[in-house]
Amino acid sequence: MNTARHASERLMSWPSLVPGRAQCGAELGLRTATHEIVHFHGEHEADVHLTRAMIAKLRPALLGSSAVRLRAGSGWVTVRLDMGSDIDLLATLVSAALQASSGGPDLAPDGCTRAGALTPGAGGR
């Protein structure tokens, strides 16, 4: 099962997100009129631009999820999409990213998680 495809189809139905090629080169990204919010790597992974401020706010929950990986100093998180509940988690994080993208000083895009080493939240799957 290609969970990234299922997740992207679900998110493409959101009126605030527009599909397009991701800045990092990933084939599919979803963005608002001004900011890239999420993009997909392979069949089981998505990167979400939460912003550093939103990551700080959600850190305890993010660290408690084995599906989430953080990168030190980055506004992006990676979500491993292995099952349906991971798609639900991704949708929740994309909703938080949309909220975070509505303003604030932390909106300058930083590199995709593919640009540097990831640090696991509570561990990988």
N, C-alpha and C. Protein backbone atom coordinates (compact mmCIF):
# COMPACT_ATOMS: atom_id res chain seq x y z
N MET A 1 0.84 -1.18 0.00
CA MET A 1 0.00 0.00 0.00
C MET A 1 0.89 1.25 0.00
N ASN A 2 0.63 2.15 -0.90
CA ASN A 2 1.36 3.40 -0.99
C ASN A 2 0.66 4.44 -0.10
N THR A 3 1.09 4.51 1.16
CA THR A 3 0.43 5.40 2.11
C THR A 3 0.66 6.87 1.78
N ALA A 4 1.78 7.21 1.17
CA ALA A 4 2.02 8.60 0.79
C ALA A 4 1.00 9.04 -0.26
N ARG A 5 0.69 8.16 -1.19
CA ARG A 5 -0.31 8.50 -2.21
C ARG A 5 -1.68 8.73 -1.56
N HIS A 6 -2.05 7.84 -0.64
CA HIS A 6 -3.33 8.01 0.05
C HIS A 6 -3.35 9.32 0.84
N ALA A 7 -2.26 9.62 1.51
CA ALA A 7 -2.18 10.86 2.29
C ALA A 7 -2.26 12.09 1.37
N SER A 8 -1.53 12.05 0.26
CA SER A 8 -1.54 13.21 -0.64
C SER A 8 -2.93 13.41 -1.25
N GLU A 9 -3.61 12.34 -1.60
CA GLU A 9 -4.96 12.46 -2.15
C GLU A 9 -5.90 13.10 -1.13
N ARG A 10 -5.76 12.68 0.12
CA ARG A 10 -6.59 13.26 1.18
C ARG A 10 -6.31 14.75 1.33
N LEU A 11 -5.03 15.11 1.37
CA LEU A 11 -4.66 16.51 1.59
C LEU A 11 -4.96 17.40 0.38
N MET A 12 -4.91 16.84 -0.83
CA MET A 12 -5.21 17.63 -2.02
C MET A 12 -6.67 18.07 -2.07
N SER A 13 -7.52 17.44 -1.27
CA SER A 13 -8.92 17.86 -1.23
C SER A 13 -9.13 19.09 -0.34
N TRP A 14 -8.08 19.48 0.40
CA TRP A 14 -8.19 20.66 1.26
C TRP A 14 -8.12 21.92 0.38
N PRO A 15 -9.07 22.82 0.53
CA PRO A 15 -9.09 24.00 -0.35
C PRO A 15 -7.90 24.94 -0.17
N SER A 16 -7.24 24.90 0.96
CA SER A 16 -6.12 25.83 1.21
C SER A 16 -4.80 25.32 0.66
N LEU A 17 -4.77 24.09 0.13
CA LEU A 17 -3.52 23.51 -0.38
C LEU A 17 -3.58 23.33 -1.89
N VAL A 18 -2.47 23.68 -2.54
CA VAL A 18 -2.34 23.57 -3.98
C VAL A 18 -1.17 22.65 -4.30
N PRO A 19 -1.36 21.65 -5.17
CA PRO A 19 -0.25 20.74 -5.50
C PRO A 19 0.77 21.38 -6.43
N GLY A 20 1.98 20.89 -6.36
CA GLY A 20 3.06 21.33 -7.24
C GLY A 20 4.35 20.63 -6.87
N ARG A 21 5.37 20.85 -7.65
CA ARG A 21 6.68 20.26 -7.37
C ARG A 21 7.27 20.94 -6.14
N ALA A 22 7.88 20.14 -5.27
CA ALA A 22 8.49 20.66 -4.04
C ALA A 22 9.80 21.36 -4.34
N GLN A 23 10.17 22.32 -3.50
CA GLN A 23 11.42 23.06 -3.67
C GLN A 23 12.64 22.15 -3.60
N CYS A 24 12.55 21.07 -2.85
CA CYS A 24 13.69 20.16 -2.69
C CYS A 24 13.82 19.19 -3.86
N GLY A 25 12.86 19.23 -4.78
CA GLY A 25 12.90 18.33 -5.92
C GLY A 25 11.96 17.15 -5.81
N ALA A 26 11.33 16.96 -4.64
CA ALA A 26 10.35 15.88 -4.51
C ALA A 26 9.25 16.12 -5.54
N GLU A 27 8.75 15.05 -6.10
CA GLU A 27 7.78 15.16 -7.19
C GLU A 27 6.50 15.87 -6.78
N LEU A 28 6.04 15.64 -5.56
CA LEU A 28 4.78 16.25 -5.14
C LEU A 28 4.96 17.04 -3.86
N GLY A 29 4.55 18.28 -3.90
CA GLY A 29 4.48 19.12 -2.72
C GLY A 29 3.12 19.79 -2.69
N LEU A 30 2.70 20.19 -1.52
CA LEU A 30 1.45 20.93 -1.36
C LEU A 30 1.78 22.22 -0.64
N ARG A 31 1.18 23.31 -1.12
CA ARG A 31 1.54 24.62 -0.59
C ARG A 31 0.31 25.50 -0.49
N THR A 32 0.46 26.57 0.27
CA THR A 32 -0.53 27.63 0.26
C THR A 32 -0.12 28.57 -0.86
N ALA A 33 -0.75 29.70 -0.94
CA ALA A 33 -0.38 30.68 -1.96
C ALA A 33 1.04 31.19 -1.75
N THR A 34 1.54 31.11 -0.51
CA THR A 34 2.85 31.69 -0.20
C THR A 34 3.89 30.74 0.36
N HIS A 35 3.50 29.57 0.88
CA HIS A 35 4.46 28.70 1.57
C HIS A 35 4.25 27.22 1.23
N GLU A 36 5.35 26.51 1.07
CA GLU A 36 5.28 25.06 0.95
C GLU A 36 4.97 24.50 2.33
N ILE A 37 4.02 23.59 2.39
CA ILE A 37 3.58 23.03 3.67
C ILE A 37 4.03 21.59 3.84
N VAL A 38 3.90 20.79 2.79
CA VAL A 38 4.23 19.36 2.89
C VAL A 38 4.70 18.86 1.54
N HIS A 39 5.62 17.90 1.57
CA HIS A 39 6.01 17.20 0.34
C HIS A 39 6.31 15.75 0.69
N PHE A 40 6.33 14.92 -0.34
CA PHE A 40 6.40 13.48 -0.15
C PHE A 40 7.67 12.90 -0.76
N HIS A 41 8.32 12.03 -0.01
CA HIS A 41 9.51 11.30 -0.47
C HIS A 41 9.17 9.81 -0.48
N GLY A 42 9.10 9.24 -1.64
CA GLY A 42 8.82 7.81 -1.74
C GLY A 42 7.38 7.48 -1.37
N GLU A 43 7.17 6.22 -1.07
CA GLU A 43 5.82 5.72 -0.81
C GLU A 43 5.40 5.81 0.64
N HIS A 44 6.34 6.12 1.54
CA HIS A 44 6.00 6.04 2.96
C HIS A 44 6.56 7.18 3.80
N GLU A 45 6.82 8.35 3.21
CA GLU A 45 7.38 9.44 3.98
C GLU A 45 6.90 10.78 3.48
N ALA A 46 6.65 11.68 4.44
CA ALA A 46 6.27 13.05 4.12
C ALA A 46 7.03 13.99 5.03
N ASP A 47 7.40 15.14 4.51
CA ASP A 47 8.02 16.20 5.29
C ASP A 47 7.01 17.34 5.42
N VAL A 48 6.85 17.84 6.65
CA VAL A 48 5.90 18.91 6.94
C VAL A 48 6.66 20.11 7.48
N HIS A 49 6.40 21.29 6.92
CA HIS A 49 7.04 22.51 7.43
C HIS A 49 6.17 23.10 8.53
N LEU A 50 6.45 22.66 9.76
CA LEU A 50 5.70 23.14 10.91
C LEU A 50 6.17 24.52 11.37
N THR A 51 7.38 24.87 11.12
CA THR A 51 8.12 26.04 11.62
C THR A 51 8.75 25.67 12.96
N ARG A 52 9.85 26.30 13.25
CA ARG A 52 10.57 26.03 14.50
C ARG A 52 9.71 26.38 15.72
N ALA A 53 8.94 27.45 15.63
CA ALA A 53 8.09 27.84 16.75
C ALA A 53 7.01 26.80 17.04
N MET A 54 6.38 26.26 15.99
CA MET A 54 5.35 25.25 16.19
C MET A 54 5.96 23.95 16.69
N ILE A 55 7.15 23.60 16.20
CA ILE A 55 7.82 22.40 16.70
C ILE A 55 8.10 22.54 18.19
N ALA A 56 8.57 23.72 18.61
CA ALA A 56 8.83 23.94 20.03
C ALA A 56 7.55 23.77 20.85
N LYS A 57 6.45 24.27 20.33
CA LYS A 57 5.16 24.17 21.02
C LYS A 57 4.69 22.71 21.12
N LEU A 58 4.90 21.95 20.06
CA LEU A 58 4.41 20.56 19.99
C LEU A 58 5.46 19.52 20.37
N ARG A 59 6.66 19.96 20.76
CA ARG A 59 7.78 19.05 21.00
C ARG A 59 7.44 17.82 21.84
N PRO A 60 6.78 17.94 22.99
CA PRO A 60 6.51 16.73 23.78
C PRO A 60 5.72 15.68 23.00
N ALA A 61 4.70 16.12 22.27
CA ALA A 61 3.90 15.17 21.48
C ALA A 61 4.70 14.60 20.32
N LEU A 62 5.49 15.44 19.67
CA LEU A 62 6.30 14.97 18.54
C LEU A 62 7.32 13.93 19.00
N LEU A 63 7.96 14.18 20.13
CA LEU A 63 8.96 13.25 20.65
C LEU A 63 8.32 11.93 21.09
N GLY A 64 7.03 11.97 21.41
CA GLY A 64 6.33 10.77 21.84
C GLY A 64 5.85 9.89 20.70
N SER A 65 6.04 10.32 19.47
CA SER A 65 5.57 9.55 18.32
C SER A 65 6.73 8.86 17.62
N SER A 66 6.62 7.57 17.45
CA SER A 66 7.67 6.83 16.73
C SER A 66 7.59 7.09 15.22
N ALA A 67 6.51 7.73 14.75
CA ALA A 67 6.37 8.01 13.32
C ALA A 67 7.02 9.34 12.93
N VAL A 68 7.41 10.15 13.91
CA VAL A 68 7.92 11.50 13.63
C VAL A 68 9.42 11.56 13.88
N ARG A 69 10.11 12.20 12.95
CA ARG A 69 11.54 12.48 13.12
C ARG A 69 11.76 13.97 13.02
N LEU A 70 12.60 14.48 13.92
CA LEU A 70 12.93 15.90 13.96
C LEU A 70 14.36 16.09 13.48
N ARG A 71 14.65 17.27 12.97
CA ARG A 71 16.02 17.64 12.62
C ARG A 71 16.36 18.89 13.42
N ALA A 72 17.45 18.83 14.15
CA ALA A 72 17.85 19.95 15.00
C ALA A 72 17.91 21.25 14.21
N GLY A 73 17.26 22.28 14.73
CA GLY A 73 17.31 23.60 14.12
C GLY A 73 16.44 23.79 12.89
N SER A 74 15.68 22.79 12.52
CA SER A 74 14.86 22.86 11.31
C SER A 74 13.40 23.08 11.65
N GLY A 75 12.69 23.72 10.75
CA GLY A 75 11.25 23.89 10.87
C GLY A 75 10.46 22.75 10.24
N TRP A 76 11.18 21.76 9.68
CA TRP A 76 10.57 20.61 9.04
C TRP A 76 10.60 19.39 9.96
N VAL A 77 9.57 18.56 9.88
CA VAL A 77 9.57 17.24 10.51
C VAL A 77 9.26 16.21 9.43
N THR A 78 9.75 15.01 9.62
CA THR A 78 9.45 13.91 8.71
C THR A 78 8.47 12.98 9.40
N VAL A 79 7.45 12.55 8.67
CA VAL A 79 6.46 11.61 9.19
C VAL A 79 6.57 10.33 8.39
N ARG A 80 6.82 9.24 9.06
CA ARG A 80 6.86 7.91 8.43
C ARG A 80 5.43 7.42 8.32
N LEU A 81 5.00 7.10 7.12
CA LEU A 81 3.62 6.72 6.84
C LEU A 81 3.52 5.21 6.64
N ASP A 82 3.37 4.48 7.72
CA ASP A 82 3.29 3.03 7.63
C ASP A 82 1.87 2.49 7.72
N MET A 83 0.97 3.25 8.32
CA MET A 83 -0.41 2.77 8.52
C MET A 83 -1.38 3.95 8.48
N GLY A 84 -2.65 3.66 8.48
CA GLY A 84 -3.67 4.68 8.39
C GLY A 84 -3.59 5.72 9.49
N SER A 85 -3.25 5.31 10.69
CA SER A 85 -3.16 6.28 11.79
C SER A 85 -2.04 7.28 11.54
N ASP A 86 -1.01 6.89 10.79
CA ASP A 86 0.06 7.83 10.45
C ASP A 86 -0.45 8.90 9.49
N ILE A 87 -1.38 8.55 8.62
CA ILE A 87 -1.99 9.53 7.72
C ILE A 87 -2.81 10.52 8.53
N ASP A 88 -3.51 10.03 9.55
CA ASP A 88 -4.25 10.92 10.44
C ASP A 88 -3.31 11.88 11.16
N LEU A 89 -2.17 11.35 11.64
CA LEU A 89 -1.16 12.18 12.29
C LEU A 89 -0.65 13.24 11.31
N LEU A 90 -0.35 12.84 10.09
CA LEU A 90 0.13 13.78 9.08
C LEU A 90 -0.90 14.88 8.86
N ALA A 91 -2.16 14.53 8.74
CA ALA A 91 -3.21 15.53 8.52
C ALA A 91 -3.26 16.51 9.69
N THR A 92 -3.10 16.03 10.90
CA THR A 92 -3.08 16.90 12.08
C THR A 92 -1.89 17.85 12.02
N LEU A 93 -0.72 17.33 11.63
CA LEU A 93 0.47 18.17 11.55
C LEU A 93 0.37 19.18 10.41
N VAL A 94 -0.23 18.80 9.30
CA VAL A 94 -0.44 19.74 8.19
C VAL A 94 -1.39 20.85 8.64
N SER A 95 -2.41 20.51 9.40
CA SER A 95 -3.31 21.53 9.94
C SER A 95 -2.54 22.50 10.84
N ALA A 96 -1.66 21.98 11.69
CA ALA A 96 -0.82 22.83 12.54
C ALA A 96 0.12 23.69 11.69
N ALA A 97 0.65 23.11 10.62
CA ALA A 97 1.54 23.86 9.72
C ALA A 97 0.79 24.99 9.02
N LEU A 98 -0.45 24.75 8.64
CA LEU A 98 -1.25 25.82 8.03
C LEU A 98 -1.49 26.94 9.03
N GLN A 99 -1.75 26.59 10.26
CA GLN A 99 -1.93 27.60 11.31
C GLN A 99 -0.63 28.38 11.48
N ALA A 100 0.50 27.69 11.53
CA ALA A 100 1.80 28.34 11.73
C ALA A 100 2.17 29.22 10.55
N SER A 101 1.74 28.85 9.35
CA SER A 101 2.13 29.60 8.15
C SER A 101 1.36 30.90 8.00
N SER A 102 0.38 31.11 8.86
CA SER A 102 -0.45 32.31 8.73
C SER A 102 0.23 33.57 9.23
N GLY A 103 1.42 33.46 9.78
CA GLY A 103 2.14 34.66 10.20
C GLY A 103 3.25 34.34 11.16
N GLY A 104 4.08 35.30 11.41
CA GLY A 104 5.16 35.14 12.36
C GLY A 104 6.51 35.19 11.70
N PRO A 105 7.56 35.32 12.50
CA PRO A 105 8.91 35.51 11.98
C PRO A 105 9.60 34.25 11.50
N ASP A 106 9.01 33.09 11.71
CA ASP A 106 9.70 31.82 11.46
C ASP A 106 9.31 31.23 10.11
N LEU A 107 8.91 32.04 9.15
CA LEU A 107 8.40 31.50 7.91
C LEU A 107 9.43 31.37 6.81
N ALA A 108 10.62 31.88 7.00
CA ALA A 108 11.65 31.72 5.97
C ALA A 108 11.89 30.24 5.75
N PRO A 109 11.82 29.79 4.50
CA PRO A 109 11.98 28.36 4.26
C PRO A 109 13.40 27.90 4.58
N ASP A 110 13.49 26.79 5.26
CA ASP A 110 14.79 26.17 5.44
C ASP A 110 14.78 24.86 4.68
N GLY A 111 15.92 24.24 4.57
CA GLY A 111 16.05 23.08 3.70
C GLY A 111 15.20 21.90 4.11
N CYS A 112 14.87 21.12 3.14
CA CYS A 112 14.16 19.86 3.33
C CYS A 112 14.97 18.95 4.25
N THR A 113 14.33 18.02 4.88
CA THR A 113 15.03 17.09 5.77
C THR A 113 16.04 16.23 5.04
N ARG A 114 15.95 16.17 3.73
CA ARG A 114 16.93 15.39 2.96
C ARG A 114 18.29 16.09 2.93
N ALA A 115 18.32 17.36 3.33
CA ALA A 115 19.56 18.13 3.27
C ALA A 115 20.47 17.89 4.48
N GLY A 116 19.98 17.20 5.49
CA GLY A 116 20.81 16.98 6.68
C GLY A 116 20.33 15.76 7.45
N ALA A 117 21.08 15.42 8.45
CA ALA A 117 20.78 14.24 9.24
C ALA A 117 19.53 14.45 10.08
N LEU A 118 18.73 13.43 10.21
CA LEU A 118 17.54 13.46 11.02
C LEU A 118 17.86 12.93 12.41
N THR A 119 17.16 13.44 13.39
CA THR A 119 17.23 12.89 14.73
C THR A 119 15.86 12.32 15.04
N PRO A 120 15.78 11.08 15.48
CA PRO A 120 14.48 10.49 15.75
C PRO A 120 13.81 11.12 16.95
N GLY A 121 12.47 11.14 16.91
CA GLY A 121 11.71 11.57 18.07
C GLY A 121 11.92 10.54 19.17
N ALA A 122 11.00 9.61 19.27
CA ALA A 122 11.12 8.54 20.27
C ALA A 122 11.71 7.28 19.66
N GLY A 123 12.12 7.39 18.40
CA GLY A 123 12.68 6.22 17.74
C GLY A 123 11.99 5.99 16.41
N GLY A 124 12.64 5.29 15.54
CA GLY A 124 12.06 5.01 14.23
C GLY A 124 11.31 3.71 14.21
N ARG A 125 10.68 3.47 13.10
CA ARG A 125 9.97 2.19 12.95
C ARG A 125 10.74 1.29 12.06
